[in-house]
Amino acid sequence: MADVVRCFGPRFLAARGASLSREQRRVLACLASCRTAALGGHLYQCDRCGYEHPVYNSCRDRHCPKCQALASARWLEERSADLLPVSYFHLVATIPRQLHGLFRQNQRALYSLLFRSVAASLLAVAADPRHLGARVGCLATLHTWSQVLLYHPHVHMIVPGGGLTPDGARWVGADPDYLLPVQVLSRALRGRLLTGIKTLHTAGELRFHGALAPLADPRALADLLEPLWHREWVVYLKPPFAGPKTVLEYLARYTHRIALSNRRLVAMDEDSVTFRYRDRRQGDVVRTLRLSGEEFLRRFLLHVLPRRFVRIRSYGLLANRGRARNLARCRELLGVVPEAAVETNAPQTWQEVAVRLLGRDPFCCPACGQGRMEQAAEILPHARPPPRARARP
């Protein structure tokens, strides 16, 4: 991905730079300089054979395909320790295409509204005595892309198959193959999200520009939303086929980066980029797509999130404030020994995580295989900003 940005970034900025946000420009700069001499680094030397190897600093940007692997592995370990011995369900909630433009221009407000609407709909339907009649929990993450990098905002959730009664005295288990009625969830989400959009518009928290400028008029917004009240929204809810940890691993691939990994990139030439994708409409057949370099970057930047936006959230029994207490109560009612349930071999340092990811000690000398690489010198950044001029007294 860094090679793509370095190759096509200057042309892309020259053609479309005026329309990019500050955050999108920053992401391009981070990806282009990641693990290069521009960011500096350290020189490591083997204490046995004297082999030297430079290690350059990473950009640590959450949109970078090369960074955040250690953070993702740690997150997976921590969330795996929270799993209960019950069936888990995978929920995906999608918004209609008619709202895509509105979401793109108001990402922070509407992404947060989408999170709240999906979670509130799930918790309300589950608490209804006509359905499950229990307090449930969920872990949610935001995705904004399709397999071909088009704009497609949706929320993925993993939901335990059951919950606590309102007084917390009993565990209510769901059927292994059925949790809640999808049609009821869909209509609850539709009502909460459309009502929330109207509320934000009335409060003046939405902005419209370009082709959407007429939506500043409440009547124009009402005309856009009215047809959406009368159609079914897409909500997917099924148990994971290979167990709950499979869904966690799926989410972990996208919790600390966006859109695609370097492994999906197939080829690049002077004019285009080719990458792999799964054709969902044809039974997940793997195909390749060739795009011009500028179009590829345009699609990639569609998924840059607002600065400091939290894209992994938990609700209900799994909410951060009461997670430990609620999980302990659930394990108690399910007959799981608390000590065994929370015991985990989760690594504590990044070196231990690297050993798990690589299958070897990252500090072992690649030349002799017996020595240990130790830091010998610091490599200063090549592209350091000029010092500020000081005014003479």
Protein backbone atom coordinates (compact mmCIF):
# COMPACT_ATOMS: atom_id res chain seq x y z
CA MET A 1 0.00 0.00 0.00
CA ALA A 2 2.89 2.35 0.75
CA ASP A 3 4.28 1.74 -2.76
CA VAL A 4 0.89 2.64 -4.24
CA VAL A 5 0.74 5.89 -2.27
CA ARG A 6 4.29 6.85 -3.19
CA CYS A 7 3.65 6.09 -6.88
CA PHE A 8 0.24 7.68 -7.38
CA GLY A 9 -0.02 10.04 -4.40
CA PRO A 10 1.54 13.13 -6.03
CA ARG A 11 -0.70 12.85 -9.12
CA PHE A 12 -3.74 12.21 -6.95
CA LEU A 13 -3.02 15.25 -4.75
CA ALA A 14 -2.49 17.43 -7.81
CA ALA A 15 -5.85 16.39 -9.25
CA ARG A 16 -8.02 16.04 -6.15
CA GLY A 17 -6.05 17.57 -3.30
CA ALA A 18 -8.41 20.49 -2.87
CA SER A 19 -11.31 18.15 -2.05
CA LEU A 20 -9.45 16.10 0.58
CA SER A 21 -9.89 16.56 4.30
CA ARG A 22 -6.99 17.25 6.61
CA GLU A 23 -7.23 13.71 7.97
CA GLN A 24 -7.11 12.16 4.49
CA ARG A 25 -3.99 14.15 3.66
CA ARG A 26 -2.38 13.03 6.91
CA VAL A 27 -3.14 9.37 6.17
CA LEU A 28 -1.48 9.61 2.75
CA ALA A 29 1.62 11.18 4.32
CA CYS A 30 1.77 8.52 7.05
CA LEU A 31 1.43 5.59 4.67
CA ALA A 32 4.08 6.98 2.32
CA SER A 33 6.67 7.40 5.09
CA CYS A 34 5.84 4.30 7.16
CA ARG A 35 8.95 2.24 7.98
CA THR A 36 11.24 4.38 5.87
CA ALA A 37 14.21 6.55 6.71
CA ALA A 38 11.89 9.57 6.72
CA LEU A 39 10.66 8.56 10.19
CA GLY A 40 14.01 7.50 11.54
CA GLY A 41 14.64 4.29 13.43
CA HIS A 42 17.36 2.21 15.07
CA LEU A 43 20.35 0.20 13.91
CA TYR A 44 20.51 -3.30 15.38
CA GLN A 45 23.70 -5.38 15.52
CA CYS A 46 24.22 -9.06 16.29
CA ASP A 47 26.24 -9.59 19.48
CA ARG A 48 27.82 -12.71 17.96
CA CYS A 49 28.61 -12.19 14.27
CA GLY A 50 28.34 -8.41 14.01
CA TYR A 51 25.55 -8.46 11.38
CA GLU A 52 23.83 -5.05 11.16
CA HIS A 53 20.24 -4.39 10.22
CA PRO A 54 18.34 -1.06 10.22
CA VAL A 55 14.79 -1.04 11.61
CA TYR A 56 12.77 2.03 10.67
CA ASN A 57 9.91 3.42 12.73
CA SER A 58 6.31 2.74 11.78
CA CYS A 59 3.72 5.47 11.33
CA ARG A 60 1.34 3.74 13.80
CA ASP A 61 -1.64 5.12 11.92
CA ARG A 62 -4.78 3.01 12.35
CA HIS A 63 -5.45 3.13 8.61
CA CYS A 64 -2.07 1.61 7.70
CA PRO A 65 -2.14 -2.05 6.54
CA LYS A 66 1.38 -2.64 7.91
CA CYS A 67 0.84 -1.20 11.37
CA GLN A 68 -1.28 -2.20 14.35
CA ALA A 69 -0.72 -5.97 13.94
CA LEU A 70 0.41 -6.23 17.57
CA ALA A 71 -2.53 -4.15 18.80
CA SER A 72 -4.91 -6.35 16.83
CA ALA A 73 -3.41 -9.53 18.30
CA ARG A 74 -3.65 -8.16 21.83
CA TRP A 75 -7.27 -7.13 21.26
CA LEU A 76 -8.12 -10.62 20.03
CA GLU A 77 -6.52 -12.19 23.11
CA GLU A 78 -8.38 -9.89 25.49
CA ARG A 79 -11.78 -10.35 23.87
CA SER A 80 -11.29 -14.12 23.60
CA ALA A 81 -10.93 -14.19 27.38
CA ASP A 82 -14.43 -12.68 27.64
CA LEU A 83 -16.16 -15.44 25.66
CA LEU A 84 -18.85 -17.39 27.48
CA PRO A 85 -19.59 -21.12 26.95
CA VAL A 86 -22.73 -20.35 24.89
CA SER A 87 -23.62 -20.01 21.23
CA TYR A 88 -22.72 -16.66 19.67
CA PHE A 89 -24.49 -14.86 16.87
CA HIS A 90 -23.11 -12.62 14.14
CA LEU A 91 -25.22 -9.54 13.42
CA VAL A 92 -24.70 -7.19 10.46
CA ALA A 93 -26.82 -4.05 10.08
CA THR A 94 -26.70 -2.03 6.84
CA ILE A 95 -28.14 1.34 5.89
CA PRO A 96 -29.95 2.02 2.58
CA ARG A 97 -27.93 3.39 -0.32
CA GLN A 98 -30.02 6.59 -0.31
CA LEU A 99 -28.34 7.62 2.95
CA HIS A 100 -24.73 7.13 1.81
CA GLY A 101 -24.19 10.73 0.73
CA LEU A 102 -25.66 12.02 3.98
CA PHE A 103 -23.35 9.76 6.00
CA ARG A 104 -20.24 10.72 4.04
CA GLN A 105 -20.75 14.42 4.76
CA ASN A 106 -21.60 13.92 8.46
CA GLN A 107 -19.45 10.98 9.43
CA ARG A 108 -18.83 11.64 13.11
CA ALA A 109 -22.46 12.40 13.96
CA LEU A 110 -24.11 9.72 11.82
CA TYR A 111 -21.64 6.92 12.50
CA SER A 112 -22.25 7.44 16.22
CA LEU A 113 -25.99 7.52 15.59
CA LEU A 114 -25.73 4.24 13.66
CA PHE A 115 -23.91 2.60 16.58
CA ARG A 116 -26.50 3.81 19.07
CA SER A 117 -29.46 2.84 16.90
CA VAL A 118 -28.27 -0.71 16.22
CA ALA A 119 -27.33 -1.35 19.85
CA ALA A 120 -30.54 0.17 21.25
CA SER A 121 -32.65 -1.85 18.81
CA LEU A 122 -30.90 -5.09 19.76
CA LEU A 123 -31.17 -4.47 23.51
CA ALA A 124 -34.83 -3.38 23.29
CA VAL A 125 -35.98 -6.34 21.20
CA ALA A 126 -34.04 -8.80 23.36
CA ALA A 127 -35.54 -7.35 26.56
CA ASP A 128 -39.08 -7.76 25.21
CA PRO A 129 -40.76 -10.71 27.04
CA ARG A 130 -42.34 -11.73 23.73
CA HIS A 131 -38.89 -12.58 22.42
CA LEU A 132 -35.96 -13.34 24.74
CA GLY A 133 -36.86 -11.28 27.80
CA ALA A 134 -33.28 -10.77 28.92
CA ARG A 135 -30.49 -8.20 29.13
CA VAL A 136 -27.97 -9.10 26.44
CA GLY A 137 -24.62 -7.68 25.43
CA CYS A 138 -22.82 -7.07 22.17
CA LEU A 139 -19.44 -6.08 20.77
CA ALA A 140 -19.72 -3.84 17.69
CA THR A 141 -17.30 -2.54 15.09
CA LEU A 142 -17.89 -0.16 12.17
CA HIS A 143 -17.05 -1.09 8.58
CA THR A 144 -17.49 1.40 5.75
CA TRP A 145 -16.30 -0.59 2.73
CA SER A 146 -17.38 -3.29 0.34
CA GLN A 147 -15.05 -5.91 -1.13
CA VAL A 148 -14.29 -3.57 -4.04
CA LEU A 149 -13.66 -0.59 -1.70
CA LEU A 150 -16.92 1.20 -2.47
CA TYR A 151 -18.64 3.18 0.28
CA HIS A 152 -20.85 0.79 2.24
CA PRO A 153 -21.36 1.74 5.94
CA HIS A 154 -22.49 -1.14 8.16
CA VAL A 155 -22.00 -2.42 11.69
CA HIS A 156 -20.79 -5.90 12.62
CA MET A 157 -21.73 -7.30 16.04
CA ILE A 158 -21.11 -10.47 17.97
CA VAL A 159 -23.90 -11.25 20.42
CA PRO A 160 -23.92 -14.00 23.09
CA GLY A 161 -26.84 -16.40 22.74
CA GLY A 162 -28.62 -15.36 25.90
CA GLY A 163 -28.59 -12.89 28.75
CA LEU A 164 -29.56 -12.11 32.32
CA THR A 165 -33.05 -11.54 33.60
CA PRO A 166 -33.76 -7.90 34.61
CA ASP A 167 -33.01 -8.69 38.26
CA GLY A 168 -29.86 -10.64 37.36
CA ALA A 169 -31.04 -13.75 39.17
CA ARG A 170 -31.20 -16.12 36.20
CA TRP A 171 -29.54 -16.81 32.87
CA VAL A 172 -31.91 -16.94 29.90
CA GLY A 173 -30.45 -18.99 27.08
CA ALA A 174 -31.42 -18.65 23.42
CA ASP A 175 -31.96 -21.42 20.95
CA PRO A 176 -28.58 -22.38 19.39
CA ASP A 177 -29.94 -21.58 15.91
CA TYR A 178 -32.21 -18.62 16.70
CA LEU A 179 -31.79 -15.47 18.75
CA LEU A 180 -34.27 -12.74 17.72
CA PRO A 181 -36.65 -12.03 14.79
CA VAL A 182 -34.70 -10.24 12.07
CA GLN A 183 -37.74 -8.37 10.73
CA VAL A 184 -38.45 -6.84 14.15
CA LEU A 185 -34.79 -5.81 14.50
CA SER A 186 -34.86 -4.27 11.03
CA ARG A 187 -37.93 -2.16 11.74
CA ALA A 188 -36.64 -1.08 15.14
CA LEU A 189 -33.37 0.05 13.55
CA ARG A 190 -35.24 1.89 10.79
CA GLY A 191 -37.36 3.84 13.25
CA ARG A 192 -34.51 4.80 15.57
CA LEU A 193 -32.09 5.82 12.83
CA LEU A 194 -34.53 7.90 10.78
CA THR A 195 -35.88 9.59 13.89
CA GLY A 196 -32.32 10.28 15.02
CA ILE A 197 -31.44 11.90 11.69
CA LYS A 198 -34.44 14.23 12.00
CA THR A 199 -33.43 15.12 15.55
CA LEU A 200 -29.85 15.93 14.54
CA HIS A 201 -31.12 18.05 11.64
CA THR A 202 -33.45 20.01 13.90
CA ALA A 203 -30.60 20.59 16.38
CA GLY A 204 -28.40 21.95 13.58
CA GLU A 205 -25.77 19.22 13.97
CA LEU A 206 -25.77 18.15 10.31
CA ARG A 207 -23.94 19.92 7.49
CA PHE A 208 -24.73 19.79 3.79
CA HIS A 209 -22.66 20.96 0.84
CA GLY A 210 -22.32 20.33 -2.87
CA ALA A 211 -25.14 18.27 -4.37
CA LEU A 212 -26.67 17.76 -0.91
CA ALA A 213 -26.99 21.47 -0.10
CA PRO A 214 -30.79 21.46 -0.70
CA LEU A 215 -31.17 19.01 2.22
CA ALA A 216 -30.61 21.91 4.60
CA ASP A 217 -34.31 22.56 4.04
CA PRO A 218 -36.30 20.29 6.42
CA ARG A 219 -38.88 19.62 3.71
CA ALA A 220 -36.20 18.33 1.32
CA LEU A 221 -34.80 16.05 4.03
CA ALA A 222 -38.30 14.76 4.78
CA ASP A 223 -38.76 13.95 1.08
CA LEU A 224 -35.51 11.94 1.15
CA LEU A 225 -36.42 9.99 4.29
CA GLU A 226 -40.11 9.35 3.57
CA PRO A 227 -39.62 6.40 1.13
CA LEU A 228 -37.21 4.74 3.56
CA TRP A 229 -39.98 4.32 6.15
CA HIS A 230 -41.77 1.94 3.81
CA ARG A 231 -38.98 -0.47 2.88
CA GLU A 232 -37.30 -3.32 4.75
CA TRP A 233 -33.74 -2.65 5.87
CA VAL A 234 -31.07 -5.33 5.59
CA VAL A 235 -30.21 -6.99 8.91
CA TYR A 236 -28.29 -10.26 8.95
CA LEU A 237 -28.35 -12.41 12.10
CA LYS A 238 -27.08 -15.98 12.13
CA PRO A 239 -24.86 -18.06 14.39
CA PRO A 240 -21.23 -18.25 13.23
CA PHE A 241 -20.58 -21.51 11.47
CA ALA A 242 -17.19 -22.19 13.10
CA GLY A 243 -17.80 -20.82 16.60
CA PRO A 244 -17.59 -17.39 18.21
CA LYS A 245 -13.81 -17.12 18.03
CA THR A 246 -14.04 -17.21 14.25
CA VAL A 247 -16.14 -14.04 14.29
CA LEU A 248 -13.66 -12.42 16.70
CA GLU A 249 -10.81 -13.26 14.34
CA TYR A 250 -12.81 -11.79 11.45
CA LEU A 251 -13.40 -8.56 13.38
CA ALA A 252 -9.77 -8.43 14.55
CA ARG A 253 -8.59 -8.22 10.94
CA TYR A 254 -10.37 -4.87 10.62
CA THR A 255 -10.36 -3.36 14.11
CA HIS A 256 -6.98 -1.65 13.72
CA ARG A 257 -6.88 -0.87 9.98
CA ILE A 258 -9.31 -0.33 7.13
CA ALA A 259 -10.49 -1.55 3.76
CA LEU A 260 -7.88 -4.08 2.66
CA SER A 261 -4.61 -5.75 3.60
CA ASN A 262 -1.40 -5.84 1.60
CA ARG A 263 -2.04 -9.50 0.86
CA ARG A 264 -4.97 -8.55 -1.38
CA LEU A 265 -2.78 -6.40 -3.61
CA VAL A 266 -1.80 -8.39 -6.71
CA ALA A 267 0.03 -6.05 -9.07
CA MET A 268 0.87 -2.43 -9.81
CA ASP A 269 2.18 -0.74 -12.92
CA GLU A 270 2.63 2.87 -14.00
CA ASP A 271 -1.10 3.43 -14.43
CA SER A 272 -3.10 0.92 -12.38
CA VAL A 273 -3.45 -1.24 -9.29
CA THR A 274 -4.89 -4.77 -9.25
CA PHE A 275 -6.29 -6.40 -6.12
CA ARG A 276 -8.29 -9.47 -5.14
CA TYR A 277 -11.85 -9.45 -3.85
CA ARG A 278 -14.61 -11.92 -3.09
CA ASP A 279 -17.69 -11.75 -5.28
CA ARG A 280 -20.48 -12.23 -2.71
CA ARG A 281 -23.17 -12.48 -5.38
CA GLN A 282 -21.42 -15.43 -7.02
CA GLY A 283 -20.81 -17.56 -3.94
CA ASP A 284 -17.64 -15.83 -2.67
CA VAL A 285 -15.70 -16.53 -5.86
CA VAL A 286 -12.28 -14.84 -5.70
CA ARG A 287 -11.78 -12.38 -8.55
CA THR A 288 -9.38 -9.57 -9.38
CA LEU A 289 -10.19 -5.93 -10.12
CA ARG A 290 -7.94 -3.50 -11.96
CA LEU A 291 -8.35 0.21 -11.18
CA SER A 292 -6.38 3.27 -12.14
CA GLY A 293 -4.04 4.41 -9.39
CA GLU A 294 -6.02 7.59 -8.76
CA GLU A 295 -9.34 5.72 -8.55
CA PHE A 296 -7.83 3.17 -6.18
CA LEU A 297 -6.63 5.92 -3.82
CA ARG A 298 -9.99 7.70 -4.09
CA ARG A 299 -11.82 4.57 -2.98
CA PHE A 300 -9.32 3.89 -0.20
CA LEU A 301 -9.66 7.39 1.23
CA LEU A 302 -13.45 7.07 1.38
CA HIS A 303 -12.90 4.98 4.50
CA VAL A 304 -10.63 7.30 6.50
CA LEU A 305 -12.38 7.85 9.81
CA PRO A 306 -12.73 11.16 11.66
CA ARG A 307 -9.88 11.88 14.03
CA ARG A 308 -10.13 9.95 17.31
CA PHE A 309 -13.41 8.36 16.33
CA VAL A 310 -14.02 5.17 18.36
CA ARG A 311 -14.93 2.40 15.92
CA ILE A 312 -15.04 -0.52 18.39
CA ARG A 313 -17.81 -0.23 20.97
CA SER A 314 -19.55 -2.52 23.43
CA TYR A 315 -23.05 -2.31 24.86
CA GLY A 316 -25.32 -4.00 27.37
CA LEU A 317 -23.70 -6.71 29.47
CA LEU A 318 -20.40 -6.18 27.65
CA ALA A 319 -20.26 -2.41 28.16
CA ASN A 320 -16.92 -1.32 29.61
CA ARG A 321 -18.39 0.03 32.85
CA GLY A 322 -19.88 -3.26 34.04
CA ARG A 323 -18.25 -5.91 31.85
CA ALA A 324 -16.19 -7.66 34.54
CA ARG A 325 -19.08 -7.75 37.02
CA ASN A 326 -21.61 -8.92 34.43
CA LEU A 327 -19.35 -11.63 33.01
CA ALA A 328 -18.61 -12.93 36.50
CA ARG A 329 -22.35 -13.19 37.19
CA CYS A 330 -22.97 -14.94 33.86
CA ARG A 331 -20.22 -17.48 34.54
CA GLU A 332 -21.60 -18.08 38.00
CA LEU A 333 -25.08 -18.82 36.64
CA LEU A 334 -23.67 -20.96 33.83
CA GLY A 335 -21.66 -23.03 36.28
CA VAL A 336 -18.24 -21.97 35.01
CA VAL A 337 -15.44 -21.72 37.57
CA PRO A 338 -14.48 -18.01 37.58
CA GLU A 339 -10.76 -18.63 37.99
CA ALA A 340 -10.66 -21.01 35.04
CA ALA A 341 -12.88 -18.79 32.96
CA VAL A 342 -10.76 -15.67 33.24
CA GLU A 343 -7.40 -17.41 33.24
CA THR A 344 -5.56 -16.59 30.04
CA ASN A 345 -2.10 -16.75 28.60
CA ALA A 346 -2.45 -13.40 26.94
CA PRO A 347 1.01 -11.93 26.21
CA GLN A 348 2.03 -8.91 28.23
CA THR A 349 4.74 -7.40 26.01
CA TRP A 350 5.02 -6.69 22.29
CA GLN A 351 7.98 -9.09 22.07
CA GLU A 352 5.77 -11.96 23.28
CA VAL A 353 3.07 -10.99 20.81
CA ALA A 354 5.64 -10.89 18.00
CA VAL A 355 6.82 -14.38 18.89
CA ARG A 356 3.24 -15.63 18.57
CA LEU A 357 2.69 -13.87 15.25
CA LEU A 358 6.03 -14.79 13.66
CA GLY A 359 6.59 -18.16 15.31
CA ARG A 360 10.14 -17.17 16.22
CA ASP A 361 12.11 -14.71 18.32
CA PRO A 362 12.25 -11.41 16.39
CA PHE A 363 15.59 -10.58 18.03
CA CYS A 364 17.32 -13.74 16.81
CA CYS A 365 20.05 -12.90 14.30
CA PRO A 366 18.87 -13.75 10.75
CA ALA A 367 22.49 -14.21 9.59
CA CYS A 368 24.03 -16.64 12.06
CA GLY A 369 20.85 -17.80 13.80
CA GLN A 370 22.58 -17.92 17.18
CA GLY A 371 23.30 -14.36 18.18
CA ARG A 372 20.88 -11.75 19.47
CA MET A 373 20.18 -8.44 17.76
CA GLU A 374 20.80 -5.51 20.08
CA GLN A 375 20.28 -1.82 19.51
CA ALA A 376 23.55 -0.20 18.46
CA ALA A 377 22.61 3.29 17.27
CA GLU A 378 19.71 5.62 16.56
CA ILE A 379 18.81 6.64 13.00
CA LEU A 380 17.58 10.21 12.89
CA PRO A 381 14.65 11.11 10.61
CA HIS A 382 15.69 12.36 7.15
CA ALA A 383 12.68 14.62 6.73
CA ARG A 384 12.79 16.55 9.95
CA PRO A 385 10.90 19.87 9.98
CA PRO A 386 13.11 23.00 9.94
CA PRO A 387 13.68 24.60 13.36
CA ARG A 388 11.64 27.65 14.21
CA ALA A 389 13.48 30.94 13.90
CA ARG A 390 13.96 32.70 17.20
CA ALA A 391 13.56 36.45 17.35
CA ARG A 392 16.56 38.25 18.78
CA PRO A 393 15.93 40.33 21.91
